[in-house]
Protein backbone atom coordinates (compact mmCIF):
# COMPACT_ATOMS: atom_id res chain seq x y z
CA UNK A 1 -50.54 -3.66 -51.80
CA UNK A 2 -51.13 -5.18 -54.53
CA UNK A 3 -49.50 -8.77 -55.46
CA UNK A 4 -47.33 -7.53 -57.86
CA UNK A 5 -45.48 -5.32 -55.33
CA UNK A 6 -46.00 -9.07 -52.90
CA UNK A 7 -43.84 -9.89 -55.86
CA UNK A 8 -41.26 -7.86 -56.39
CA UNK A 9 -40.32 -8.06 -52.06
CA UNK A 10 -40.58 -12.13 -52.22
CA UNK A 11 -38.72 -11.96 -55.26
CA UNK A 12 -35.76 -9.48 -54.08
CA UNK A 13 -35.73 -11.92 -50.47
CA UNK A 14 -34.92 -14.43 -52.31
CA UNK A 15 -32.31 -12.99 -54.49
CA UNK A 16 -30.78 -11.75 -50.90
CA UNK A 17 -31.18 -15.60 -49.82
CA UNK A 18 -29.49 -16.80 -52.73
CA UNK A 19 -26.30 -13.88 -52.59
CA UNK A 20 -25.95 -15.21 -48.42
CA UNK A 21 -25.99 -19.47 -49.13
CA UNK A 22 -23.94 -18.99 -52.07
CA UNK A 23 -21.30 -16.86 -50.30
CA UNK A 24 -21.30 -14.10 -52.61
CA UNK A 25 -20.57 -11.54 -49.76
CA UNK A 26 -19.36 -8.70 -52.20
CA UNK A 27 -21.91 -9.19 -54.27
CA UNK A 28 -24.15 -8.23 -51.20
CA UNK A 29 -22.21 -5.43 -50.05
CA UNK A 30 -21.92 -3.75 -53.31
CA UNK A 31 -26.24 -3.96 -53.88
CA UNK A 32 -26.22 -2.73 -50.32
CA UNK A 33 -23.46 -0.15 -50.78
CA UNK A 34 -25.89 1.10 -54.35
CA UNK A 35 -29.03 1.13 -52.04
CA UNK A 36 -27.51 3.74 -49.60
CA UNK A 37 -26.38 5.52 -52.19
CA UNK A 38 -30.03 6.08 -53.55
CA UNK A 39 -31.28 6.52 -50.06
CA UNK A 40 -28.88 9.75 -49.10
CA UNK A 41 -29.15 11.11 -52.88
CA UNK A 42 -33.28 11.02 -52.18
CA UNK A 43 -32.95 12.48 -48.40
CA UNK A 44 -30.30 14.80 -50.25
CA UNK A 45 -32.55 16.21 -52.97
CA UNK A 46 -35.79 16.81 -50.45
CA UNK A 47 -33.34 18.50 -48.04
CA UNK A 48 -32.35 20.94 -51.04
CA UNK A 49 -36.15 21.54 -51.69
CA UNK A 50 -36.86 22.87 -48.21
CA UNK A 51 -36.12 26.91 -47.72
CA UNK A 52 -34.37 27.14 -43.89
CA UNK A 53 -35.61 30.15 -42.09
């Protein structure tokens, strides 16, 4: 993994820690829900491309 990717994930971890420490759970929940929607969208898009027999 490149240093740039390591820095991105480290920064992301720090951002989550700040949200938790500052008791900003609503913002953290919004971020997590959006990430889940993105993951489900990606899975749906991949499944639509498959041919079922």
